[in-house]
């Protein structure tokens, strides 16, 4: 039987602890974690394909939505197992409000990409400017925002989500009178 030198014991223990933590890290939230709920086809009444929302939603057992806000401002939160997973906002702003003003000053977005003056996108958040023929508040602009609780779902995913969400809001009764 090999003899263990006293000064090598702490190194071996540290190695075993590190290996144990690595295994534990792989098992919590790893590939076996799954989504046991149906992905919704809307954000509080704004129709979206479930495939658009799916990349933003974590594994879990139960999903619910919570809608709130005064006239001209609607917040929707998708909550998975008691934790907010996705937040969307539809808001009316004064006509001189700019898309970049909403994205940068209101939502503090940084490391962003602007698309065609219609969207500002980051890795986990996006702001859009809806085209409304008849906004709820006369002479106001309508802006949309979607934020994923995940730190980084990627700009391409967020662009897909904000473009579909903004288009759905533009086509809704909120914008068509």
N, C-alpha and C. Protein backbone atom coordinates (compact mmCIF):
# COMPACT_ATOMS: atom_id res chain seq x y z
N UNK A 1 0.85 -1.17 0.00
CA UNK A 1 0.00 0.00 0.00
C UNK A 1 0.89 1.23 0.00
N UNK A 2 0.59 2.21 -0.90
CA UNK A 2 1.45 3.38 -0.97
C UNK A 2 1.30 4.24 0.27
N UNK A 3 2.37 4.84 0.60
CA UNK A 3 2.38 5.72 1.78
C UNK A 3 2.02 7.14 1.36
N UNK A 4 1.08 7.78 2.06
CA UNK A 4 0.65 9.14 1.75
C UNK A 4 1.49 10.10 2.58
N UNK A 5 2.12 11.01 1.87
CA UNK A 5 2.93 12.02 2.57
C UNK A 5 1.99 13.08 3.15
N UNK A 6 2.21 13.52 4.38
CA UNK A 6 1.30 14.47 5.03
C UNK A 6 1.09 15.75 4.23
N UNK A 7 2.10 16.26 3.55
CA UNK A 7 1.93 17.52 2.81
C UNK A 7 1.13 17.33 1.53
N UNK A 8 0.98 16.10 1.04
CA UNK A 8 0.22 15.83 -0.18
C UNK A 8 -1.27 15.65 0.11
N UNK A 9 -1.64 15.38 1.35
CA UNK A 9 -3.03 15.14 1.70
C UNK A 9 -3.96 16.31 1.37
N UNK A 10 -3.61 17.57 1.72
CA UNK A 10 -4.50 18.69 1.37
C UNK A 10 -4.69 18.82 -0.14
N UNK A 11 -3.66 18.50 -0.93
CA UNK A 11 -3.78 18.61 -2.38
C UNK A 11 -4.75 17.55 -2.89
N UNK A 12 -4.65 16.34 -2.38
CA UNK A 12 -5.56 15.27 -2.80
C UNK A 12 -7.01 15.59 -2.39
N UNK A 13 -7.18 16.10 -1.19
CA UNK A 13 -8.53 16.45 -0.73
C UNK A 13 -9.11 17.56 -1.61
N UNK A 14 -8.30 18.57 -1.92
CA UNK A 14 -8.76 19.67 -2.78
C UNK A 14 -9.15 19.14 -4.16
N UNK A 15 -8.38 18.18 -4.67
CA UNK A 15 -8.70 17.58 -5.97
C UNK A 15 -10.01 16.83 -5.93
N UNK A 16 -10.24 16.07 -4.86
CA UNK A 16 -11.51 15.34 -4.73
C UNK A 16 -12.70 16.29 -4.61
N UNK A 17 -12.52 17.37 -3.85
CA UNK A 17 -13.59 18.36 -3.69
C UNK A 17 -13.88 19.02 -5.04
N UNK A 18 -12.85 19.39 -5.79
CA UNK A 18 -13.04 20.02 -7.10
C UNK A 18 -13.76 19.06 -8.05
N UNK A 19 -13.39 17.80 -8.05
CA UNK A 19 -14.04 16.82 -8.91
C UNK A 19 -15.51 16.65 -8.53
N UNK A 20 -15.78 16.63 -7.24
CA UNK A 20 -17.16 16.51 -6.76
C UNK A 20 -17.99 17.71 -7.17
N UNK A 21 -17.42 18.91 -7.07
CA UNK A 21 -18.14 20.11 -7.48
C UNK A 21 -18.40 20.11 -8.98
N UNK A 22 -17.44 19.64 -9.75
CA UNK A 22 -17.63 19.58 -11.20
C UNK A 22 -18.77 18.64 -11.55
N UNK A 23 -18.84 17.49 -10.92
CA UNK A 23 -19.92 16.54 -11.18
C UNK A 23 -21.25 17.15 -10.75
N UNK A 24 -21.29 17.78 -9.58
CA UNK A 24 -22.52 18.40 -9.09
C UNK A 24 -22.96 19.52 -10.01
N UNK A 25 -22.01 20.30 -10.53
CA UNK A 25 -22.34 21.39 -11.44
C UNK A 25 -22.95 20.88 -12.73
N UNK A 26 -22.47 19.75 -13.19
CA UNK A 26 -23.02 19.17 -14.41
C UNK A 26 -24.42 18.62 -14.20
N UNK A 27 -24.71 18.16 -13.01
CA UNK A 27 -26.00 17.52 -12.80
C UNK A 27 -27.12 18.50 -12.48
N UNK A 28 -26.82 19.67 -11.96
CA UNK A 28 -27.90 20.60 -11.65
C UNK A 28 -28.17 21.50 -12.84
N UNK A 29 -29.37 21.38 -13.41
CA UNK A 29 -29.76 22.20 -14.55
C UNK A 29 -29.11 21.74 -15.84
N UNK A 30 -28.53 20.57 -15.85
CA UNK A 30 -27.86 20.04 -17.02
C UNK A 30 -28.85 19.53 -18.04
N UNK A 31 -28.36 18.64 -18.91
CA UNK A 31 -29.20 18.15 -19.99
C UNK A 31 -30.48 17.44 -19.54
N UNK A 32 -30.48 16.87 -18.34
CA UNK A 32 -31.69 16.17 -17.89
C UNK A 32 -32.77 17.12 -17.42
N UNK A 33 -32.44 18.40 -17.18
CA UNK A 33 -33.46 19.38 -16.83
C UNK A 33 -34.34 19.60 -18.05
N UNK A 34 -35.67 19.55 -17.86
CA UNK A 34 -36.55 19.70 -19.01
C UNK A 34 -37.73 20.59 -18.69
N UNK A 35 -38.38 21.02 -19.75
CA UNK A 35 -39.54 21.86 -19.65
C UNK A 35 -40.77 20.96 -19.57
N UNK A 36 -41.48 21.02 -18.45
CA UNK A 36 -42.66 20.19 -18.24
C UNK A 36 -43.96 20.95 -18.51
N UNK A 37 -43.86 22.20 -18.92
CA UNK A 37 -45.03 23.02 -19.20
C UNK A 37 -45.11 23.28 -20.71
N UNK A 38 -46.27 23.66 -21.18
CA UNK A 38 -46.45 24.02 -22.59
C UNK A 38 -46.02 25.48 -22.78
N UNK A 39 -45.22 25.72 -23.79
CA UNK A 39 -44.78 27.08 -24.10
C UNK A 39 -45.99 27.85 -24.62
N UNK A 40 -46.28 29.02 -24.04
CA UNK A 40 -47.46 29.77 -24.47
C UNK A 40 -47.31 30.31 -25.90
N UNK A 41 -48.43 30.58 -26.53
CA UNK A 41 -48.45 31.14 -27.88
C UNK A 41 -48.80 32.63 -27.84
N UNK A 42 -48.54 33.26 -26.70
CA UNK A 42 -48.78 34.70 -26.57
C UNK A 42 -48.04 35.25 -25.36
N UNK A 43 -47.90 36.56 -25.38
CA UNK A 43 -47.42 37.30 -24.20
C UNK A 43 -48.60 38.12 -23.73
N UNK A 44 -49.33 37.62 -22.77
CA UNK A 44 -50.50 38.30 -22.20
C UNK A 44 -51.45 38.81 -23.28
N UNK A 45 -51.79 37.95 -24.21
CA UNK A 45 -52.76 38.32 -25.22
C UNK A 45 -52.19 38.77 -26.55
N UNK A 46 -50.90 39.04 -26.62
CA UNK A 46 -50.27 39.39 -27.90
C UNK A 46 -49.76 38.08 -28.50
N UNK A 47 -50.37 37.67 -29.60
CA UNK A 47 -50.06 36.37 -30.20
C UNK A 47 -48.62 36.31 -30.71
N UNK A 48 -47.94 35.23 -30.35
CA UNK A 48 -46.58 34.95 -30.82
C UNK A 48 -46.46 33.45 -31.00
N UNK A 49 -45.76 33.01 -32.01
CA UNK A 49 -45.55 31.56 -32.13
C UNK A 49 -44.77 31.05 -30.91
N UNK A 50 -45.16 29.90 -30.40
CA UNK A 50 -44.46 29.32 -29.25
C UNK A 50 -42.97 29.15 -29.55
N UNK A 51 -42.64 28.87 -30.80
CA UNK A 51 -41.23 28.68 -31.17
C UNK A 51 -40.41 29.97 -31.00
N UNK A 52 -41.07 31.12 -31.01
CA UNK A 52 -40.37 32.39 -30.79
C UNK A 52 -40.02 32.56 -29.32
N UNK A 53 -40.92 32.18 -28.43
CA UNK A 53 -40.69 32.33 -26.99
C UNK A 53 -39.81 31.23 -26.41
N UNK A 54 -39.83 30.06 -27.01
CA UNK A 54 -39.15 28.89 -26.45
C UNK A 54 -37.69 29.13 -26.07
N UNK A 55 -36.87 29.80 -26.90
CA UNK A 55 -35.46 29.99 -26.51
C UNK A 55 -35.25 30.87 -25.27
N UNK A 56 -36.28 31.62 -24.89
CA UNK A 56 -36.17 32.51 -23.73
C UNK A 56 -36.57 31.84 -22.42
N UNK A 57 -37.20 30.68 -22.52
CA UNK A 57 -37.79 30.05 -21.34
C UNK A 57 -36.94 28.91 -20.80
N UNK A 58 -36.78 28.87 -19.48
CA UNK A 58 -35.97 27.82 -18.85
C UNK A 58 -36.76 26.52 -18.65
N UNK A 59 -36.04 25.50 -18.25
CA UNK A 59 -36.68 24.26 -17.84
C UNK A 59 -37.51 24.54 -16.59
N UNK A 60 -38.53 23.77 -16.35
CA UNK A 60 -39.35 23.96 -15.16
C UNK A 60 -40.63 23.16 -15.26
N UNK A 61 -41.43 23.29 -14.21
CA UNK A 61 -42.67 22.52 -14.12
C UNK A 61 -43.90 23.33 -14.49
N UNK A 62 -43.95 24.60 -14.08
CA UNK A 62 -45.18 25.38 -14.23
C UNK A 62 -44.86 26.77 -14.74
N UNK A 63 -45.69 27.24 -15.67
CA UNK A 63 -45.55 28.60 -16.19
C UNK A 63 -46.86 29.36 -15.97
N UNK A 64 -46.73 30.63 -15.67
CA UNK A 64 -47.91 31.49 -15.54
C UNK A 64 -47.55 32.86 -16.09
N UNK A 65 -48.57 33.67 -16.35
CA UNK A 65 -48.31 35.03 -16.81
C UNK A 65 -49.00 36.01 -15.88
N UNK A 66 -48.37 37.16 -15.71
CA UNK A 66 -48.89 38.22 -14.85
C UNK A 66 -48.89 39.50 -15.68
N UNK A 67 -50.06 40.09 -15.84
CA UNK A 67 -50.21 41.31 -16.63
C UNK A 67 -50.51 42.46 -15.67
N UNK A 68 -49.86 43.61 -15.89
CA UNK A 68 -50.10 44.76 -15.03
C UNK A 68 -49.83 46.04 -15.81
N UNK A 69 -50.21 47.16 -15.22
CA UNK A 69 -49.89 48.46 -15.79
C UNK A 69 -51.10 49.34 -15.99
N UNK A 70 -50.87 50.65 -15.91
CA UNK A 70 -51.94 51.63 -16.13
C UNK A 70 -52.20 51.82 -17.64
N UNK A 71 -53.15 52.64 -17.98
CA UNK A 71 -53.46 52.95 -19.38
C UNK A 71 -52.21 53.45 -20.10
N UNK A 72 -51.96 52.90 -21.28
CA UNK A 72 -50.80 53.32 -22.05
C UNK A 72 -49.52 52.59 -21.70
N UNK A 73 -49.59 51.66 -20.74
CA UNK A 73 -48.39 50.92 -20.32
C UNK A 73 -48.84 49.52 -19.89
N UNK A 74 -48.35 48.51 -20.57
CA UNK A 74 -48.72 47.14 -20.22
C UNK A 74 -47.46 46.32 -20.01
N UNK A 75 -47.34 45.73 -18.84
CA UNK A 75 -46.22 44.85 -18.54
C UNK A 75 -46.76 43.43 -18.43
N UNK A 76 -46.05 42.50 -19.05
CA UNK A 76 -46.40 41.09 -18.96
C UNK A 76 -45.16 40.33 -18.50
N UNK A 77 -45.34 39.50 -17.51
CA UNK A 77 -44.22 38.68 -17.02
C UNK A 77 -44.60 37.21 -17.14
N UNK A 78 -43.73 36.44 -17.77
CA UNK A 78 -43.88 34.99 -17.79
C UNK A 78 -43.05 34.46 -16.63
N UNK A 79 -43.69 33.73 -15.75
CA UNK A 79 -43.07 33.25 -14.51
C UNK A 79 -43.00 31.73 -14.57
N UNK A 80 -41.79 31.19 -14.41
CA UNK A 80 -41.59 29.74 -14.42
C UNK A 80 -41.16 29.31 -13.03
N UNK A 81 -41.94 28.45 -12.42
CA UNK A 81 -41.66 27.94 -11.07
C UNK A 81 -41.36 29.06 -10.08
N UNK A 82 -42.14 30.14 -10.17
CA UNK A 82 -42.03 31.24 -9.22
C UNK A 82 -40.96 32.27 -9.55
N UNK A 83 -40.23 32.11 -10.65
CA UNK A 83 -39.18 33.07 -11.02
C UNK A 83 -39.52 33.71 -12.36
N UNK A 84 -39.31 35.02 -12.46
CA UNK A 84 -39.58 35.73 -13.71
C UNK A 84 -38.59 35.24 -14.77
N UNK A 85 -39.12 34.81 -15.91
CA UNK A 85 -38.28 34.32 -17.00
C UNK A 85 -38.23 35.32 -18.16
N UNK A 86 -39.37 35.95 -18.45
CA UNK A 86 -39.46 36.91 -19.55
C UNK A 86 -40.35 38.06 -19.13
N UNK A 87 -39.94 39.28 -19.48
CA UNK A 87 -40.76 40.47 -19.24
C UNK A 87 -40.96 41.16 -20.58
N UNK A 88 -42.20 41.53 -20.87
CA UNK A 88 -42.47 42.35 -22.05
C UNK A 88 -43.21 43.60 -21.60
N UNK A 89 -42.99 44.68 -22.35
CA UNK A 89 -43.66 45.95 -22.05
C UNK A 89 -44.13 46.56 -23.37
N UNK A 90 -45.33 47.09 -23.34
CA UNK A 90 -45.85 47.90 -24.44
C UNK A 90 -46.20 49.23 -23.82
N UNK A 91 -45.63 50.30 -24.36
CA UNK A 91 -45.89 51.60 -23.75
C UNK A 91 -46.07 52.70 -24.78
N UNK A 92 -46.89 53.67 -24.40
CA UNK A 92 -47.13 54.85 -25.23
C UNK A 92 -46.23 55.96 -24.72
N UNK A 93 -45.59 56.66 -25.65
CA UNK A 93 -44.69 57.76 -25.31
C UNK A 93 -45.03 58.99 -26.13
N UNK A 94 -44.57 60.13 -25.66
CA UNK A 94 -44.77 61.39 -26.38
C UNK A 94 -44.16 61.27 -27.78
N UNK A 95 -44.71 62.00 -28.76
CA UNK A 95 -44.27 61.83 -30.15
C UNK A 95 -42.80 62.11 -30.41
N UNK A 96 -42.16 62.92 -29.63
CA UNK A 96 -40.74 63.24 -29.87
C UNK A 96 -39.79 62.18 -29.28
N UNK A 97 -40.33 61.16 -28.65
CA UNK A 97 -39.51 60.11 -28.05
C UNK A 97 -38.85 59.28 -29.16
N UNK A 98 -37.57 59.00 -28.98
CA UNK A 98 -36.84 58.22 -29.97
C UNK A 98 -36.62 56.79 -29.49
N UNK A 99 -36.42 55.90 -30.42
CA UNK A 99 -36.14 54.50 -30.10
C UNK A 99 -34.88 54.38 -29.25
N UNK A 100 -33.83 55.08 -29.64
CA UNK A 100 -32.60 55.00 -28.85
C UNK A 100 -32.79 55.61 -27.47
N UNK A 101 -33.61 56.65 -27.36
CA UNK A 101 -33.89 57.23 -26.05
C UNK A 101 -34.56 56.24 -25.13
N UNK A 102 -35.50 55.47 -25.65
CA UNK A 102 -36.18 54.45 -24.85
C UNK A 102 -35.19 53.35 -24.47
N UNK A 103 -34.43 52.87 -25.44
CA UNK A 103 -33.51 51.75 -25.21
C UNK A 103 -32.39 52.11 -24.22
N UNK A 104 -31.74 53.24 -24.45
CA UNK A 104 -30.57 53.57 -23.65
C UNK A 104 -30.90 54.23 -22.32
N UNK A 105 -31.79 55.24 -22.35
CA UNK A 105 -32.04 55.96 -21.10
C UNK A 105 -33.06 55.25 -20.21
N UNK A 106 -34.10 54.69 -20.80
CA UNK A 106 -35.14 54.05 -19.99
C UNK A 106 -34.72 52.67 -19.52
N UNK A 107 -34.19 51.85 -20.43
CA UNK A 107 -33.87 50.47 -20.09
C UNK A 107 -32.38 50.21 -19.89
N UNK A 108 -31.56 51.24 -20.02
CA UNK A 108 -30.12 51.10 -19.74
C UNK A 108 -29.42 50.08 -20.61
N UNK A 109 -29.87 49.93 -21.83
CA UNK A 109 -29.27 48.94 -22.71
C UNK A 109 -27.90 49.40 -23.19
N UNK A 110 -26.95 48.48 -23.17
CA UNK A 110 -25.61 48.75 -23.71
C UNK A 110 -25.21 47.56 -24.55
N UNK A 111 -24.10 47.68 -25.26
CA UNK A 111 -23.63 46.63 -26.16
C UNK A 111 -24.76 46.19 -27.08
N UNK A 112 -25.29 47.16 -27.82
CA UNK A 112 -26.48 46.92 -28.63
C UNK A 112 -26.20 47.05 -30.13
N UNK A 113 -27.16 46.60 -30.90
CA UNK A 113 -27.17 46.76 -32.35
C UNK A 113 -28.50 47.39 -32.69
N UNK A 114 -28.48 48.41 -33.56
CA UNK A 114 -29.74 49.02 -34.00
C UNK A 114 -30.05 48.52 -35.41
N UNK A 115 -31.29 48.13 -35.63
CA UNK A 115 -31.73 47.59 -36.91
C UNK A 115 -32.77 48.51 -37.55
N UNK A 116 -32.39 49.13 -38.66
CA UNK A 116 -33.31 49.91 -39.51
C UNK A 116 -34.09 50.97 -38.75
N UNK A 117 -33.59 51.45 -37.63
CA UNK A 117 -34.31 52.45 -36.86
C UNK A 117 -35.60 51.92 -36.25
N UNK A 118 -35.79 50.59 -36.31
CA UNK A 118 -37.02 49.99 -35.80
C UNK A 118 -36.79 49.18 -34.53
N UNK A 119 -35.57 48.70 -34.31
CA UNK A 119 -35.24 47.87 -33.15
C UNK A 119 -33.86 48.24 -32.61
N UNK A 120 -33.71 48.09 -31.29
CA UNK A 120 -32.40 48.13 -30.64
C UNK A 120 -32.30 46.82 -29.87
N UNK A 121 -31.20 46.09 -30.11
CA UNK A 121 -31.10 44.71 -29.63
C UNK A 121 -29.80 44.49 -28.86
N UNK A 122 -29.91 43.81 -27.71
CA UNK A 122 -28.73 43.34 -26.98
C UNK A 122 -28.86 41.83 -26.82
N UNK A 123 -27.97 41.22 -26.06
CA UNK A 123 -27.97 39.76 -25.92
C UNK A 123 -29.13 39.21 -25.10
N UNK A 124 -29.80 40.04 -24.31
CA UNK A 124 -30.91 39.54 -23.49
C UNK A 124 -32.08 40.51 -23.42
N UNK A 125 -32.04 41.58 -24.23
CA UNK A 125 -33.09 42.59 -24.17
C UNK A 125 -33.21 43.26 -25.53
N UNK A 126 -34.41 43.70 -25.87
CA UNK A 126 -34.62 44.39 -27.14
C UNK A 126 -35.77 45.37 -27.01
N UNK A 127 -35.69 46.46 -27.75
CA UNK A 127 -36.74 47.47 -27.78
C UNK A 127 -37.13 47.68 -29.24
N UNK A 128 -38.43 47.81 -29.48
CA UNK A 128 -38.94 48.04 -30.83
C UNK A 128 -39.86 49.24 -30.89
N UNK A 129 -40.06 49.74 -32.10
CA UNK A 129 -40.97 50.86 -32.33
C UNK A 129 -42.10 50.34 -33.20
N UNK A 130 -43.30 50.25 -32.64
CA UNK A 130 -44.46 49.71 -33.36
C UNK A 130 -45.03 50.77 -34.30
N UNK A 131 -45.59 50.30 -35.39
CA UNK A 131 -46.27 51.18 -36.34
C UNK A 131 -47.76 51.15 -36.04
N UNK A 132 -48.26 52.23 -35.48
CA UNK A 132 -49.67 52.27 -35.10
C UNK A 132 -50.43 53.30 -35.92
N UNK A 133 -51.51 52.84 -36.57
CA UNK A 133 -52.39 53.77 -37.29
C UNK A 133 -53.18 54.61 -36.30
N UNK A 134 -53.70 53.94 -35.26
CA UNK A 134 -54.51 54.62 -34.24
C UNK A 134 -54.06 54.17 -32.85
N UNK A 135 -53.02 54.81 -32.29
CA UNK A 135 -52.57 54.40 -30.96
C UNK A 135 -53.63 54.66 -29.90
N UNK A 136 -53.52 53.96 -28.77
CA UNK A 136 -54.49 54.14 -27.68
C UNK A 136 -54.53 55.59 -27.22
N UNK A 137 -53.40 56.22 -27.15
CA UNK A 137 -53.34 57.64 -26.78
C UNK A 137 -53.02 58.42 -28.05
N UNK A 138 -53.89 59.37 -28.41
CA UNK A 138 -53.68 60.15 -29.63
C UNK A 138 -52.34 60.86 -29.58
N UNK A 139 -51.71 60.97 -30.73
CA UNK A 139 -50.42 61.66 -30.88
C UNK A 139 -49.31 61.07 -30.01
N UNK A 140 -49.33 59.77 -29.80
CA UNK A 140 -48.27 59.10 -29.06
C UNK A 140 -47.64 58.02 -29.92
N UNK A 141 -46.42 57.66 -29.60
CA UNK A 141 -45.70 56.58 -30.26
C UNK A 141 -45.81 55.34 -29.37
N UNK A 142 -45.81 54.17 -29.99
CA UNK A 142 -45.89 52.92 -29.24
C UNK A 142 -44.56 52.19 -29.34
N UNK A 143 -44.02 51.84 -28.18
CA UNK A 143 -42.75 51.11 -28.09
C UNK A 143 -42.98 49.77 -27.41
N UNK A 144 -42.18 48.80 -27.80
CA UNK A 144 -42.24 47.46 -27.22
C UNK A 144 -40.89 47.13 -26.62
N UNK A 145 -40.89 46.29 -25.60
CA UNK A 145 -39.64 45.84 -24.99
C UNK A 145 -39.82 44.38 -24.57
N UNK A 146 -38.78 43.58 -24.79
CA UNK A 146 -38.75 42.21 -24.30
C UNK A 146 -37.39 42.00 -23.63
N UNK A 147 -37.45 41.41 -22.43
CA UNK A 147 -36.22 41.10 -21.69
C UNK A 147 -36.28 39.64 -21.24
N UNK A 148 -35.21 38.92 -21.52
CA UNK A 148 -35.10 37.53 -21.06
C UNK A 148 -34.32 37.52 -19.76
N UNK A 149 -34.74 36.71 -18.81
CA UNK A 149 -34.03 36.62 -17.55
C UNK A 149 -32.65 35.99 -17.74
N UNK A 150 -32.53 35.12 -18.73
CA UNK A 150 -31.23 34.51 -19.03
C UNK A 150 -30.26 35.62 -19.41
N UNK A 151 -29.02 35.50 -18.99
CA UNK A 151 -28.05 36.57 -19.21
C UNK A 151 -27.72 36.79 -20.68
N UNK A 152 -27.71 35.72 -21.47
CA UNK A 152 -27.29 35.88 -22.85
C UNK A 152 -27.99 34.86 -23.74
N UNK A 153 -29.08 35.27 -24.36
CA UNK A 153 -29.73 34.37 -25.32
C UNK A 153 -29.27 34.68 -26.73
N UNK A 154 -28.60 35.81 -26.91
CA UNK A 154 -28.03 36.18 -28.20
C UNK A 154 -28.85 37.21 -28.94
N UNK A 155 -28.14 38.05 -29.68
CA UNK A 155 -28.79 39.12 -30.43
C UNK A 155 -29.72 38.58 -31.52
N UNK A 156 -29.33 37.50 -32.18
CA UNK A 156 -30.18 36.94 -33.24
C UNK A 156 -31.53 36.48 -32.68
N UNK A 157 -31.48 35.81 -31.53
CA UNK A 157 -32.73 35.36 -30.89
C UNK A 157 -33.57 36.55 -30.46
N UNK A 158 -32.94 37.54 -29.85
CA UNK A 158 -33.68 38.71 -29.38
C UNK A 158 -34.26 39.50 -30.57
N UNK A 159 -33.54 39.54 -31.68
CA UNK A 159 -34.07 40.23 -32.86
C UNK A 159 -35.33 39.52 -33.38
N UNK A 160 -35.29 38.21 -33.40
CA UNK A 160 -36.46 37.45 -33.85
C UNK A 160 -37.65 37.71 -32.92
N UNK A 161 -37.41 37.69 -31.61
CA UNK A 161 -38.48 37.90 -30.64
C UNK A 161 -39.05 39.31 -30.76
N UNK A 162 -38.19 40.33 -30.77
CA UNK A 162 -38.71 41.71 -30.78
C UNK A 162 -39.39 42.02 -32.10
N UNK A 163 -38.89 41.49 -33.20
CA UNK A 163 -39.54 41.79 -34.49
C UNK A 163 -40.93 41.15 -34.55
N UNK A 164 -41.06 39.91 -34.10
CA UNK A 164 -42.38 39.25 -34.11
C UNK A 164 -43.33 39.91 -33.10
N UNK A 165 -42.82 40.26 -31.92
CA UNK A 165 -43.64 40.89 -30.90
C UNK A 165 -44.10 42.27 -31.38
N UNK A 166 -43.19 43.07 -31.92
CA UNK A 166 -43.53 44.41 -32.39
C UNK A 166 -44.53 44.35 -33.55
N UNK A 167 -44.33 43.42 -34.48
CA UNK A 167 -45.27 43.25 -35.59
C UNK A 167 -46.66 42.86 -35.07
N UNK A 168 -46.69 41.97 -34.08
CA UNK A 168 -47.98 41.53 -33.50
C UNK A 168 -48.68 42.69 -32.81
N UNK A 169 -47.92 43.53 -32.09
CA UNK A 169 -48.51 44.70 -31.44
C UNK A 169 -49.02 45.67 -32.51
N UNK A 170 -48.25 45.89 -33.58
CA UNK A 170 -48.65 46.79 -34.66
C UNK A 170 -49.96 46.35 -35.31
N UNK A 171 -50.18 45.04 -35.40
CA UNK A 171 -51.39 44.51 -36.03
C UNK A 171 -52.56 44.36 -35.05
N UNK A 172 -52.32 44.59 -33.77
CA UNK A 172 -53.36 44.38 -32.76
C UNK A 172 -54.32 45.57 -32.67
N UNK A 173 -55.42 45.36 -31.93
CA UNK A 173 -56.40 46.44 -31.73
C UNK A 173 -55.78 47.61 -30.96
N UNK A 174 -54.71 47.35 -30.25
CA UNK A 174 -53.99 48.40 -29.54
C UNK A 174 -53.50 49.49 -30.50
N UNK A 175 -53.18 49.08 -31.73
CA UNK A 175 -52.64 50.02 -32.73
C UNK A 175 -53.62 50.31 -33.87
N UNK A 176 -54.61 49.48 -34.02
CA UNK A 176 -55.53 49.66 -35.15
C UNK A 176 -56.83 50.35 -34.75
N UNK A 177 -56.89 50.76 -33.51
CA UNK A 177 -58.07 51.50 -33.06
C UNK A 177 -59.08 50.73 -32.43
